[in-house]
Amino acid sequence: MKHTRRRTFFRVVGALLGVVLAVVLGSAAWIAAMSYGRVHDVADAPEAPVVVVLGSQVREGKPMKFLSGRLDAAIALIESGRAHAILVSGDANGNSGNEIAAMTDYLVDAGIDRSRIVGDDYGLDTYDTCARAATTFGVTKALVVSQGLHVSRAVALCRDAGIDAHGVDAECECNWLAVVRNFGREWLARPKAVLDLMSGRPPAVVSEVDGALTAATEGG
């Protein structure tokens, strides 16, 4: 009896692990297909009206290394003429601080004209950032900046939202532990991204159309 129960237990566990693995690999394959050929280094990025910078943690009002790497890439894209305006999207009430204020200050301190920067306080996750970029700010074509596996997920989500998106893989002077932790978290985020798309949920915060980014783009 004990052996039978043990075999049943291991079969159930094995079946569950198989389902989880299939979901993770399936979502990864979808993201890879949606982002294929659309992730570039800063030097190889195509032109687009807007750079979308995805938020991340800040410390004492300053961007941490992942976020500062993304902002440095956005600065390079603006200075090279590949884009005209920047949408900084994140959580203005995040646990680590106001991501939007920190990103904006960093860009202005680097010499980017404040009139070229528009903030979205409610880009609470990557799905919401892409959905709101399209529906609230009218983005139809953009460069999306992040690092590693995250940038390909962002491209896939933004394309599904109706944006002609290309990704820019930003550098990061991050320690290996932070990179490994981010890598693991990204694999777990991919099934959630697919579930969000299947549900067709609206972003957590739905806002009226905002023409600020259009004005910033035309001004550039």
Protein backbone atom coordinates (compact mmCIF):
# COMPACT_ATOMS: atom_id res chain seq x y z
CA MET A 1 0.00 0.00 0.00
CA LYS A 2 2.80 2.41 0.92
CA HIS A 3 4.59 1.72 -2.36
CA THR A 4 1.37 2.33 -4.32
CA ARG A 5 0.77 5.65 -2.58
CA ARG A 6 4.36 6.66 -3.18
CA ARG A 7 4.14 5.84 -6.88
CA THR A 8 0.87 7.78 -7.16
CA PHE A 9 2.41 10.76 -5.39
CA PHE A 10 5.41 10.85 -7.71
CA ARG A 11 3.18 10.48 -10.77
CA VAL A 12 1.04 13.42 -9.69
CA VAL A 13 4.09 15.54 -8.93
CA GLY A 14 5.64 14.56 -12.25
CA ALA A 15 2.46 15.45 -14.13
CA LEU A 16 2.25 18.84 -12.42
CA LEU A 17 5.88 19.59 -13.17
CA GLY A 18 5.26 18.61 -16.78
CA VAL A 19 2.35 21.04 -17.03
CA VAL A 20 4.39 23.86 -15.48
CA LEU A 21 7.29 23.17 -17.83
CA ALA A 22 4.99 23.11 -20.85
CA VAL A 23 3.45 26.46 -19.85
CA VAL A 24 6.83 28.09 -19.27
CA LEU A 25 8.35 26.78 -22.50
CA GLY A 26 5.21 27.56 -24.49
CA SER A 27 5.09 31.15 -23.28
CA ALA A 28 8.82 31.53 -23.95
CA ALA A 29 8.34 30.25 -27.51
CA TRP A 30 5.53 32.72 -28.15
CA ILE A 31 7.61 35.64 -26.87
CA ALA A 32 10.60 34.52 -28.94
CA ALA A 33 8.43 34.38 -32.07
CA MET A 34 6.88 37.81 -31.44
CA SER A 35 10.24 39.48 -30.77
CA TYR A 36 12.32 37.64 -33.38
CA GLY A 37 14.60 40.05 -35.23
CA ARG A 38 13.32 43.00 -33.20
CA VAL A 39 15.87 43.26 -30.39
CA HIS A 40 18.93 45.41 -31.04
CA ASP A 41 21.93 46.99 -29.39
CA VAL A 42 21.81 50.77 -29.03
CA ALA A 43 24.14 51.24 -32.01
CA ASP A 44 21.96 49.08 -34.29
CA ALA A 45 18.51 50.32 -33.24
CA PRO A 46 16.18 51.59 -35.96
CA GLU A 47 14.49 54.99 -35.83
CA ALA A 48 11.19 55.55 -34.05
CA PRO A 49 9.32 58.60 -32.77
CA VAL A 50 9.34 57.45 -29.15
CA VAL A 51 11.57 55.62 -26.70
CA VAL A 52 9.65 53.80 -23.96
CA VAL A 53 11.75 53.27 -20.83
CA LEU A 54 10.39 50.63 -18.49
CA GLY A 55 10.65 51.48 -14.81
CA SER A 56 12.59 49.62 -12.15
CA GLN A 57 13.73 50.16 -8.58
CA VAL A 58 15.10 53.43 -7.33
CA ARG A 59 17.02 54.19 -4.15
CA GLU A 60 16.84 57.51 -2.33
CA GLY A 61 15.34 59.10 -5.42
CA LYS A 62 18.03 57.81 -7.75
CA PRO A 63 17.75 55.06 -10.38
CA MET A 64 19.49 51.81 -9.45
CA LYS A 65 21.77 50.07 -11.93
CA PHE A 66 19.15 48.30 -14.06
CA LEU A 67 17.18 51.52 -14.46
CA SER A 68 20.18 53.80 -15.01
CA GLY A 69 21.35 51.45 -17.78
CA ARG A 70 17.97 51.79 -19.51
CA LEU A 71 18.04 55.56 -19.18
CA ASP A 72 21.58 55.76 -20.56
CA ALA A 73 20.40 53.81 -23.62
CA ALA A 74 17.46 56.21 -24.07
CA ILE A 75 19.80 59.18 -23.84
CA ALA A 76 22.03 57.68 -26.54
CA LEU A 77 19.01 57.08 -28.79
CA ILE A 78 17.84 60.68 -28.44
CA GLU A 79 21.30 62.15 -28.94
CA SER A 80 21.88 60.04 -32.06
CA GLY A 81 18.58 61.22 -33.57
CA ARG A 82 17.00 57.77 -33.61
CA ALA A 83 14.09 59.02 -31.49
CA HIS A 84 12.53 62.37 -30.60
CA ALA A 85 10.75 61.84 -27.28
CA ILE A 86 10.91 59.59 -24.23
CA LEU A 87 8.02 57.98 -22.37
CA VAL A 88 9.17 56.99 -18.89
CA SER A 89 6.71 54.44 -17.58
CA GLY A 90 6.63 52.96 -14.11
CA ASP A 91 5.11 53.24 -10.66
CA ALA A 92 5.06 56.73 -9.18
CA ASN A 93 4.11 55.18 -5.84
CA GLY A 94 6.46 52.21 -5.89
CA ASN A 95 7.85 50.53 -2.80
CA SER A 96 11.32 51.89 -3.54
CA GLY A 97 10.15 55.40 -4.41
CA ASN A 98 8.78 57.49 -7.26
CA GLU A 99 10.21 55.85 -10.38
CA ILE A 100 8.87 58.55 -12.71
CA ALA A 101 10.44 61.45 -10.81
CA ALA A 102 13.77 59.61 -10.53
CA MET A 103 13.85 58.80 -14.25
CA THR A 104 12.87 62.32 -15.28
CA ASP A 105 15.48 63.96 -13.06
CA TYR A 106 18.18 61.59 -14.35
CA LEU A 107 17.37 62.43 -17.97
CA VAL A 108 17.23 66.18 -17.36
CA ASP A 109 20.53 66.06 -15.46
CA ALA A 110 22.03 64.30 -18.51
CA GLY A 111 20.97 67.18 -20.75
CA ILE A 112 17.69 65.90 -22.20
CA ASP A 113 15.19 68.73 -22.72
CA ARG A 114 12.35 68.27 -20.24
CA SER A 115 9.85 69.04 -23.02
CA ARG A 116 10.88 65.77 -24.68
CA ILE A 117 10.04 63.69 -21.60
CA VAL A 118 6.57 62.43 -20.71
CA GLY A 119 5.84 60.36 -17.61
CA ASP A 120 3.28 57.63 -17.12
CA ASP A 121 2.75 57.18 -13.38
CA TYR A 122 0.68 54.02 -13.86
CA GLY A 123 2.91 51.69 -15.86
CA LEU A 124 2.58 49.24 -12.99
CA ASP A 125 3.91 46.30 -14.98
CA THR A 126 5.11 45.65 -18.52
CA TYR A 127 1.64 44.73 -19.79
CA ASP A 128 0.17 47.95 -18.38
CA THR A 129 3.03 50.02 -19.80
CA CYS A 130 2.38 48.73 -23.31
CA ALA A 131 -1.40 48.94 -23.07
CA ARG A 132 -1.31 52.50 -21.73
CA ALA A 133 1.36 53.60 -24.22
CA ALA A 134 -1.04 52.61 -27.00
CA THR A 135 -4.41 53.66 -25.58
CA THR A 136 -3.55 56.62 -23.33
CA PHE A 137 -0.56 58.15 -25.12
CA GLY A 138 -1.32 57.14 -28.71
CA VAL A 139 1.98 55.36 -29.37
CA THR A 140 1.96 53.44 -32.67
CA LYS A 141 5.71 52.96 -33.18
CA ALA A 142 8.41 52.85 -30.51
CA LEU A 143 11.74 51.61 -29.25
CA VAL A 144 11.29 49.79 -25.93
CA VAL A 145 14.30 49.78 -23.64
CA SER A 146 15.15 47.16 -21.03
CA GLN A 147 17.71 44.40 -20.43
CA GLY A 148 18.11 40.74 -21.28
CA LEU A 149 15.03 38.56 -21.49
CA HIS A 150 12.78 41.39 -20.31
CA VAL A 151 13.23 43.41 -23.48
CA SER A 152 11.94 40.58 -25.69
CA ARG A 153 8.87 40.18 -23.45
CA ALA A 154 8.26 43.93 -23.63
CA VAL A 155 8.47 43.86 -27.44
CA ALA A 156 5.96 40.99 -27.59
CA LEU A 157 3.50 42.72 -25.26
CA CYS A 158 3.77 46.07 -27.02
CA ARG A 159 3.29 44.47 -30.43
CA ASP A 160 0.18 42.72 -29.15
CA ALA A 161 -1.07 46.12 -27.94
CA GLY A 162 -0.83 47.41 -31.51
CA ILE A 163 2.55 49.13 -31.33
CA ASP A 164 5.19 48.58 -34.02
CA ALA A 165 7.83 47.94 -31.36
CA HIS A 166 11.52 47.18 -31.52
CA GLY A 167 13.54 46.48 -28.40
CA VAL A 168 16.84 47.95 -27.30
CA ASP A 169 18.94 45.79 -25.00
CA ALA A 170 20.49 48.21 -22.51
CA GLU A 171 23.75 47.56 -20.74
CA CYS A 172 23.86 47.14 -16.97
CA GLU A 173 26.84 47.26 -14.64
CA CYS A 174 25.02 44.88 -12.31
CA ASN A 175 26.45 42.25 -9.98
CA TRP A 176 26.00 38.63 -10.96
CA LEU A 177 23.49 37.91 -8.19
CA ALA A 178 21.15 40.64 -9.41
CA VAL A 179 21.44 39.34 -12.98
CA VAL A 180 20.66 35.75 -11.92
CA ARG A 181 17.71 36.87 -9.80
CA ASN A 182 16.34 38.95 -12.67
CA PHE A 183 16.80 36.02 -15.08
CA GLY A 184 14.78 33.70 -12.84
CA ARG A 185 12.05 36.26 -12.28
CA GLU A 186 11.76 36.83 -16.01
CA TRP A 187 11.09 33.16 -16.73
CA LEU A 188 8.29 33.22 -14.17
CA ALA A 189 6.86 36.43 -15.66
CA ARG A 190 6.43 34.95 -19.13
CA PRO A 191 3.45 32.69 -18.35
CA LYS A 192 1.77 35.64 -16.61
CA ALA A 193 2.29 37.76 -19.74
CA VAL A 194 0.51 35.17 -21.87
CA LEU A 195 -2.32 34.89 -19.35
CA ASP A 196 -2.73 38.68 -19.38
CA LEU A 197 -2.99 38.63 -23.16
CA MET A 198 -5.47 35.75 -23.17
CA SER A 199 -7.64 37.53 -20.60
CA GLY A 200 -7.58 40.79 -22.56
CA ARG A 201 -7.68 42.66 -19.27
CA PRO A 202 -7.48 46.46 -19.28
CA PRO A 203 -4.53 48.08 -17.51
CA ALA A 204 -4.94 48.48 -13.75
CA VAL A 205 -5.50 52.23 -14.26
CA VAL A 206 -7.44 53.45 -17.29
CA SER A 207 -6.93 57.11 -18.15
CA GLU A 208 -8.29 59.52 -20.70
CA VAL A 209 -6.27 60.11 -23.86
CA ASP A 210 -3.22 62.26 -23.17
CA GLY A 211 -1.71 64.26 -26.02
CA ALA A 212 1.50 65.21 -24.20
CA LEU A 213 3.64 62.60 -25.94
CA THR A 214 2.39 63.59 -29.38
CA ALA A 215 3.32 67.19 -28.62
CA ALA A 216 6.75 66.12 -27.32
CA THR A 217 7.39 64.07 -30.46
CA GLU A 218 6.39 66.86 -32.81
CA GLY A 219 8.46 69.32 -30.80
CA GLY A 220 11.52 67.10 -31.27
